[in-house]
């Protein structure tokens, strides 16, 4: 998979899960998520990627399962 495709997929998912990011002591959002299950993140990724014109393989999203 091309690096650009991975970056685009990551941006799409991050847009959707940003509300679940934990705020650190300084007030900035951290990479850690709270209040969402891993299965939900995968579903969000599948839905967002389906709406985008790039060629991300859904199998790549399940490598951690």
PDB file of N, CA and C in Angstrom:
ATOM      1  N   UNK A   1       0.854  -1.171   0.000  1.00  0.00           N
ATOM      2  CA  UNK A   1       0.000   0.000   0.000  1.00  0.00           C
ATOM      3  C   UNK A   1       0.898   1.232   0.000  1.00  0.00           C
ATOM      4  N   UNK A   2       0.537   2.207  -0.761  1.00  0.00           N
ATOM      5  CA  UNK A   2       1.333   3.427  -0.881  1.00  0.00           C
ATOM      6  C   UNK A   2       1.256   4.253   0.407  1.00  0.00           C
ATOM      7  N   UNK A   3       2.349   4.923   0.703  1.00  0.00           N
ATOM      8  CA  UNK A   3       2.426   5.768   1.905  1.00  0.00           C
ATOM      9  C   UNK A   3       1.330   6.838   1.901  1.00  0.00           C
ATOM     10  N   UNK A   4       1.059   7.407   0.746  1.00  0.00           N
ATOM     11  CA  UNK A   4       0.025   8.447   0.641  1.00  0.00           C
ATOM     12  C   UNK A   4      -1.352   7.889   0.973  1.00  0.00           C
ATOM     13  N   UNK A   5      -1.612   6.644   0.561  1.00  0.00           N
ATOM     14  CA  UNK A   5      -2.899   6.017   0.869  1.00  0.00           C
ATOM     15  C   UNK A   5      -3.047   5.790   2.368  1.00  0.00           C
ATOM     16  N   UNK A   6      -1.979   5.345   3.002  1.00  0.00           N
ATOM     17  CA  UNK A   6      -2.017   5.134   4.449  1.00  0.00           C
ATOM     18  C   UNK A   6      -2.236   6.445   5.188  1.00  0.00           C
ATOM     19  N   UNK A   7      -1.563   7.491   4.762  1.00  0.00           N
ATOM     20  CA  UNK A   7      -1.713   8.804   5.408  1.00  0.00           C
ATOM     21  C   UNK A   7      -3.135   9.324   5.252  1.00  0.00           C
ATOM     22  N   UNK A   8      -3.712   9.156   4.077  1.00  0.00           N
ATOM     23  CA  UNK A   8      -5.083   9.615   3.838  1.00  0.00           C
ATOM     24  C   UNK A   8      -6.071   8.831   4.696  1.00  0.00           C
ATOM     25  N   UNK A   9      -5.871   7.532   4.799  1.00  0.00           N
ATOM     26  CA  UNK A   9      -6.745   6.703   5.624  1.00  0.00           C
ATOM     27  C   UNK A   9      -6.644   7.105   7.088  1.00  0.00           C
ATOM     28  N   UNK A  10      -5.430   7.348   7.546  1.00  0.00           N
ATOM     29  CA  UNK A  10      -5.230   7.750   8.935  1.00  0.00           C
ATOM     30  C   UNK A  10      -5.921   9.083   9.229  1.00  0.00           C
ATOM     31  N   UNK A  11      -5.796  10.043   8.341  1.00  0.00           N
ATOM     32  CA  UNK A  11      -6.448  11.351   8.541  1.00  0.00           C
ATOM     33  C   UNK A  11      -7.962  11.195   8.629  1.00  0.00           C
ATOM     34  N   UNK A  12      -8.535  10.361   7.785  1.00  0.00           N
ATOM     35  CA  UNK A  12      -9.984  10.149   7.796  1.00  0.00           C
ATOM     36  C   UNK A  12     -10.453   9.591   9.135  1.00  0.00           C
ATOM     37  N   UNK A  13      -9.722   8.607   9.643  1.00  0.00           N
ATOM     38  CA  UNK A  13     -10.097   7.991  10.909  1.00  0.00           C
ATOM     39  C   UNK A  13      -9.898   8.980  12.058  1.00  0.00           C
ATOM     40  N   UNK A  14      -8.784   9.688  12.056  1.00  0.00           N
ATOM     41  CA  UNK A  14      -8.507  10.638  13.135  1.00  0.00           C
ATOM     42  C   UNK A  14      -9.565  11.732  13.221  1.00  0.00           C
ATOM     43  N   UNK A  15     -10.101  12.138  12.076  1.00  0.00           N
ATOM     44  CA  UNK A  15     -11.176  13.142  12.079  1.00  0.00           C
ATOM     45  C   UNK A  15     -12.372  12.636  12.876  1.00  0.00           C
ATOM     46  N   UNK A  16     -12.681  11.366  12.719  1.00  0.00           N
ATOM     47  CA  UNK A  16     -13.865  10.790  13.348  1.00  0.00           C
ATOM     48  C   UNK A  16     -13.669  10.442  14.819  1.00  0.00           C
ATOM     49  N   UNK A  17     -12.458  10.107  15.221  1.00  0.00           N
ATOM     50  CA  UNK A  17     -12.234   9.689  16.610  1.00  0.00           C
ATOM     51  C   UNK A  17     -11.666  10.795  17.490  1.00  0.00           C
ATOM     52  N   UNK A  18     -11.474  11.967  16.951  1.00  0.00           N
ATOM     53  CA  UNK A  18     -10.850  13.045  17.727  1.00  0.00           C
ATOM     54  C   UNK A  18     -11.647  13.391  18.988  1.00  0.00           C
ATOM     55  N   UNK A  19     -12.940  13.230  18.955  1.00  0.00           N
ATOM     56  CA  UNK A  19     -13.757  13.534  20.127  1.00  0.00           C
ATOM     57  C   UNK A  19     -13.484  12.560  21.278  1.00  0.00           C
ATOM     58  N   UNK A  20     -12.893  11.397  20.996  1.00  0.00           N
ATOM     59  CA  UNK A  20     -12.609  10.392  22.012  1.00  0.00           C
ATOM     60  C   UNK A  20     -11.188  10.499  22.571  1.00  0.00           C
ATOM     61  N   UNK A  21     -10.401  11.423  22.051  1.00  0.00           N
ATOM     62  CA  UNK A  21      -9.031  11.563  22.535  1.00  0.00           C
ATOM     63  C   UNK A  21      -9.020  12.138  23.949  1.00  0.00           C
ATOM     64  N   UNK A  22      -8.140  11.602  24.780  1.00  0.00           N
ATOM     65  CA  UNK A  22      -7.987  12.059  26.157  1.00  0.00           C
ATOM     66  C   UNK A  22      -7.152  13.337  26.163  1.00  0.00           C
ATOM     67  N   UNK A  23      -7.546  14.282  27.004  1.00  0.00           N
ATOM     68  CA  UNK A  23      -6.764  15.515  27.154  1.00  0.00           C
ATOM     69  C   UNK A  23      -5.691  15.311  28.212  1.00  0.00           C
ATOM     70  N   UNK A  24      -4.485  15.767  27.894  1.00  0.00           N
ATOM     71  CA  UNK A  24      -3.369  15.678  28.826  1.00  0.00           C
ATOM     72  C   UNK A  24      -3.404  16.814  29.832  1.00  0.00           C
ATOM     73  N   UNK A  25      -2.473  16.820  30.760  1.00  0.00           N
ATOM     74  CA  UNK A  25      -2.406  17.860  31.785  1.00  0.00           C
ATOM     75  C   UNK A  25      -2.306  19.274  31.208  1.00  0.00           C
ATOM     76  N   UNK A  26      -1.702  19.401  30.041  1.00  0.00           N
ATOM     77  CA  UNK A  26      -1.546  20.717  29.425  1.00  0.00           C
ATOM     78  C   UNK A  26      -2.781  21.130  28.625  1.00  0.00           C
ATOM     79  N   UNK A  27      -3.756  20.224  28.505  1.00  0.00           N
ATOM     80  CA  UNK A  27      -4.982  20.543  27.773  1.00  0.00           C
ATOM     81  C   UNK A  27      -4.987  20.063  26.332  1.00  0.00           C
ATOM     82  N   UNK A  28      -3.845  19.619  25.844  1.00  0.00           N
ATOM     83  CA  UNK A  28      -3.778  19.109  24.476  1.00  0.00           C
ATOM     84  C   UNK A  28      -4.327  17.693  24.415  1.00  0.00           C
ATOM     85  N   UNK A  29      -4.894  17.357  23.262  1.00  0.00           N
ATOM     86  CA  UNK A  29      -5.416  16.001  23.080  1.00  0.00           C
ATOM     87  C   UNK A  29      -4.261  15.041  22.827  1.00  0.00           C
ATOM     88  N   UNK A  30      -4.309  13.915  23.555  1.00  0.00           N
ATOM     89  CA  UNK A  30      -3.303  12.878  23.413  1.00  0.00           C
ATOM     90  C   UNK A  30      -3.756  11.871  22.358  1.00  0.00           C
ATOM     91  N   UNK A  31      -2.924  10.908  22.054  1.00  0.00           N
ATOM     92  CA  UNK A  31      -3.266   9.865  21.088  1.00  0.00           C
ATOM     93  C   UNK A  31      -4.165   8.788  21.690  1.00  0.00           C
ATOM     94  N   UNK A  32      -4.244   8.732  23.013  1.00  0.00           N
ATOM     95  CA  UNK A  32      -5.046   7.727  23.683  1.00  0.00           C
ATOM     96  C   UNK A  32      -6.533   8.045  23.524  1.00  0.00           C
ATOM     97  N   UNK A  33      -7.333   7.003  23.351  1.00  0.00           N
ATOM     98  CA  UNK A  33      -8.775   7.156  23.190  1.00  0.00           C
ATOM     99  C   UNK A  33      -9.491   6.608  24.414  1.00  0.00           C
ATOM    100  N   UNK A  34     -10.628   7.219  24.749  1.00  0.00           N
ATOM    101  CA  UNK A  34     -11.435   6.772  25.871  1.00  0.00           C
ATOM    102  C   UNK A  34     -12.900   6.855  25.469  1.00  0.00           C
ATOM    103  N   UNK A  35     -13.668   5.837  25.837  1.00  0.00           N
ATOM    104  CA  UNK A  35     -15.099   5.853  25.559  1.00  0.00           C
ATOM    105  C   UNK A  35     -15.473   5.279  24.202  1.00  0.00           C
ATOM    106  N   UNK A  36     -14.563   4.550  23.590  1.00  0.00           N
ATOM    107  CA  UNK A  36     -14.830   3.931  22.299  1.00  0.00           C
ATOM    108  C   UNK A  36     -14.108   2.589  22.265  1.00  0.00           C
ATOM    109  N   UNK A  37     -14.782   1.568  21.739  1.00  0.00           N
ATOM    110  CA  UNK A  37     -14.185   0.236  21.662  1.00  0.00           C
ATOM    111  C   UNK A  37     -13.371   0.090  20.379  1.00  0.00           C
ATOM    112  N   UNK A  38     -12.363  -0.765  20.392  1.00  0.00           N
ATOM    113  CA  UNK A  38     -11.558  -0.981  19.185  1.00  0.00           C
ATOM    114  C   UNK A  38     -12.409  -1.363  17.967  1.00  0.00           C
ATOM    115  N   UNK A  39     -13.453  -2.145  18.194  1.00  0.00           N
ATOM    116  CA  UNK A  39     -14.331  -2.545  17.101  1.00  0.00           C
ATOM    117  C   UNK A  39     -15.008  -1.333  16.461  1.00  0.00           C
ATOM    118  N   UNK A  40     -15.339  -0.345  17.286  1.00  0.00           N
ATOM    119  CA  UNK A  40     -15.963   0.871  16.771  1.00  0.00           C
ATOM    120  C   UNK A  40     -14.984   1.665  15.912  1.00  0.00           C
ATOM    121  N   UNK A  41     -13.732   1.710  16.332  1.00  0.00           N
ATOM    122  CA  UNK A  41     -12.725   2.426  15.554  1.00  0.00           C
ATOM    123  C   UNK A  41     -12.543   1.756  14.202  1.00  0.00           C
ATOM    124  N   UNK A  42     -12.509   0.430  14.186  1.00  0.00           N
ATOM    125  CA  UNK A  42     -12.375  -0.298  12.922  1.00  0.00           C
ATOM    126  C   UNK A  42     -13.574  -0.024  12.026  1.00  0.00           C
ATOM    127  N   UNK A  43     -14.771  -0.011  12.605  1.00  0.00           N
ATOM    128  CA  UNK A  43     -15.976   0.276  11.808  1.00  0.00           C
ATOM    129  C   UNK A  43     -15.930   1.692  11.235  1.00  0.00           C
ATOM    130  N   UNK A  44     -15.500   2.652  12.038  1.00  0.00           N
ATOM    131  CA  UNK A  44     -15.352   4.028  11.557  1.00  0.00           C
ATOM    132  C   UNK A  44     -14.369   4.062  10.396  1.00  0.00           C
ATOM    133  N   UNK A  45     -13.258   3.358  10.554  1.00  0.00           N
ATOM    134  CA  UNK A  45     -12.249   3.327   9.488  1.00  0.00           C
ATOM    135  C   UNK A  45     -12.836   2.753   8.211  1.00  0.00           C
ATOM    136  N   UNK A  46     -13.550   1.667   8.324  1.00  0.00           N
ATOM    137  CA  UNK A  46     -14.170   1.051   7.132  1.00  0.00           C
ATOM    138  C   UNK A  46     -15.145   2.005   6.455  1.00  0.00           C
ATOM    139  N   UNK A  47     -15.980   2.664   7.253  1.00  0.00           N
ATOM    140  CA  UNK A  47     -16.969   3.584   6.691  1.00  0.00           C
ATOM    141  C   UNK A  47     -16.311   4.784   6.019  1.00  0.00           C
ATOM    142  N   UNK A  48     -15.318   5.372   6.677  1.00  0.00           N
ATOM    143  CA  UNK A  48     -14.656   6.552   6.120  1.00  0.00           C
ATOM    144  C   UNK A  48     -13.885   6.216   4.850  1.00  0.00           C
ATOM    145  N   UNK A  49     -13.207   5.087   4.868  1.00  0.00           N
ATOM    146  CA  UNK A  49     -12.432   4.700   3.692  1.00  0.00           C
ATOM    147  C   UNK A  49     -13.350   4.402   2.510  1.00  0.00           C
ATOM    148  N   UNK A  50     -14.515   3.853   2.783  1.00  0.00           N
ATOM    149  CA  UNK A  50     -15.471   3.569   1.716  1.00  0.00           C
ATOM    150  C   UNK A  50     -15.924   4.852   1.024  1.00  0.00           C
ATOM    151  N   UNK A  51     -15.866   5.992   1.733  1.00  0.00           N
ATOM    152  CA  UNK A  51     -16.288   7.271   1.166  1.00  0.00           C
ATOM    153  C   UNK A  51     -15.177   7.988   0.414  1.00  0.00           C
ATOM    154  N   UNK A  52     -13.940   7.503   0.543  1.00  0.00           N
ATOM    155  CA  UNK A  52     -12.795   8.185  -0.060  1.00  0.00           C
ATOM    156  C   UNK A  52     -12.381   7.496  -1.355  1.00  0.00           C
ATOM    157  N   UNK A  53     -11.802   8.240  -2.292  1.00  0.00           N
ATOM    158  CA  UNK A  53     -11.440   7.662  -3.585  1.00  0.00           C
ATOM    159  C   UNK A  53     -10.108   6.924  -3.614  1.00  0.00           C
ATOM    160  N   UNK A  54      -9.378   6.837  -2.491  1.00  0.00           N
ATOM    161  CA  UNK A  54      -8.098   6.142  -2.526  1.00  0.00           C
ATOM    162  C   UNK A  54      -8.303   4.631  -2.400  1.00  0.00           C
ATOM    163  N   UNK A  55      -7.263   3.868  -2.540  1.00  0.00           N
ATOM    164  CA  UNK A  55      -7.344   2.412  -2.627  1.00  0.00           C
ATOM    165  C   UNK A  55      -6.753   1.729  -1.406  1.00  0.00           C
ATOM    166  N   UNK A  56      -7.380   1.902  -0.269  1.00  0.00           N
ATOM    167  CA  UNK A  56      -6.917   1.271   0.958  1.00  0.00           C
ATOM    168  C   UNK A  56      -7.586  -0.093   1.070  1.00  0.00           C
ATOM    169  N   UNK A  57      -6.804  -1.091   1.364  1.00  0.00           N
ATOM    170  CA  UNK A  57      -7.335  -2.441   1.545  1.00  0.00           C
ATOM    171  C   UNK A  57      -7.879  -2.583   2.966  1.00  0.00           C
ATOM    172  N   UNK A  58      -9.117  -3.023   3.118  1.00  0.00           N
ATOM    173  CA  UNK A  58      -9.693  -3.162   4.439  1.00  0.00           C
ATOM    174  C   UNK A  58      -8.956  -4.211   5.257  1.00  0.00           C
ATOM    175  N   UNK A  59      -8.342  -5.189   4.617  1.00  0.00           N
ATOM    176  CA  UNK A  59      -7.576  -6.193   5.351  1.00  0.00           C
ATOM    177  C   UNK A  59      -6.443  -5.542   6.136  1.00  0.00           C
ATOM    178  N   UNK A  60      -5.899  -4.445   5.653  1.00  0.00           N
ATOM    179  CA  UNK A  60      -4.828  -3.746   6.347  1.00  0.00           C
ATOM    180  C   UNK A  60      -5.303  -3.165   7.677  1.00  0.00           C
ATOM    181  N   UNK A  61      -6.586  -2.901   7.807  1.00  0.00           N
ATOM    182  CA  UNK A  61      -7.114  -2.324   9.039  1.00  0.00           C
ATOM    183  C   UNK A  61      -7.289  -3.374  10.119  1.00  0.00           C
ATOM    184  N   UNK A  62      -7.319  -4.632   9.747  1.00  0.00           N
ATOM    185  CA  UNK A  62      -7.556  -5.697  10.696  1.00  0.00           C
ATOM    186  C   UNK A  62      -6.290  -6.391  11.151  1.00  0.00           C
ATOM    187  N   UNK A  63      -5.131  -5.859  10.830  1.00  0.00           N
ATOM    188  CA  UNK A  63      -3.886  -6.530  11.172  1.00  0.00           C
ATOM    189  C   UNK A  63      -3.696  -6.686  12.670  1.00  0.00           C
ATOM    190  N   UNK A  64      -4.335  -5.844  13.480  1.00  0.00           N
ATOM    191  CA  UNK A  64      -4.175  -5.915  14.927  1.00  0.00           C
ATOM    192  C   UNK A  64      -5.189  -6.809  15.609  1.00  0.00           C
ATOM    193  N   UNK A  65      -6.101  -7.395  14.877  1.00  0.00           N
ATOM    194  CA  UNK A  65      -7.119  -8.241  15.499  1.00  0.00           C
ATOM    195  C   UNK A  65      -6.702  -9.673  15.526  1.00  0.00           C
TER     196      UNK A  65
END
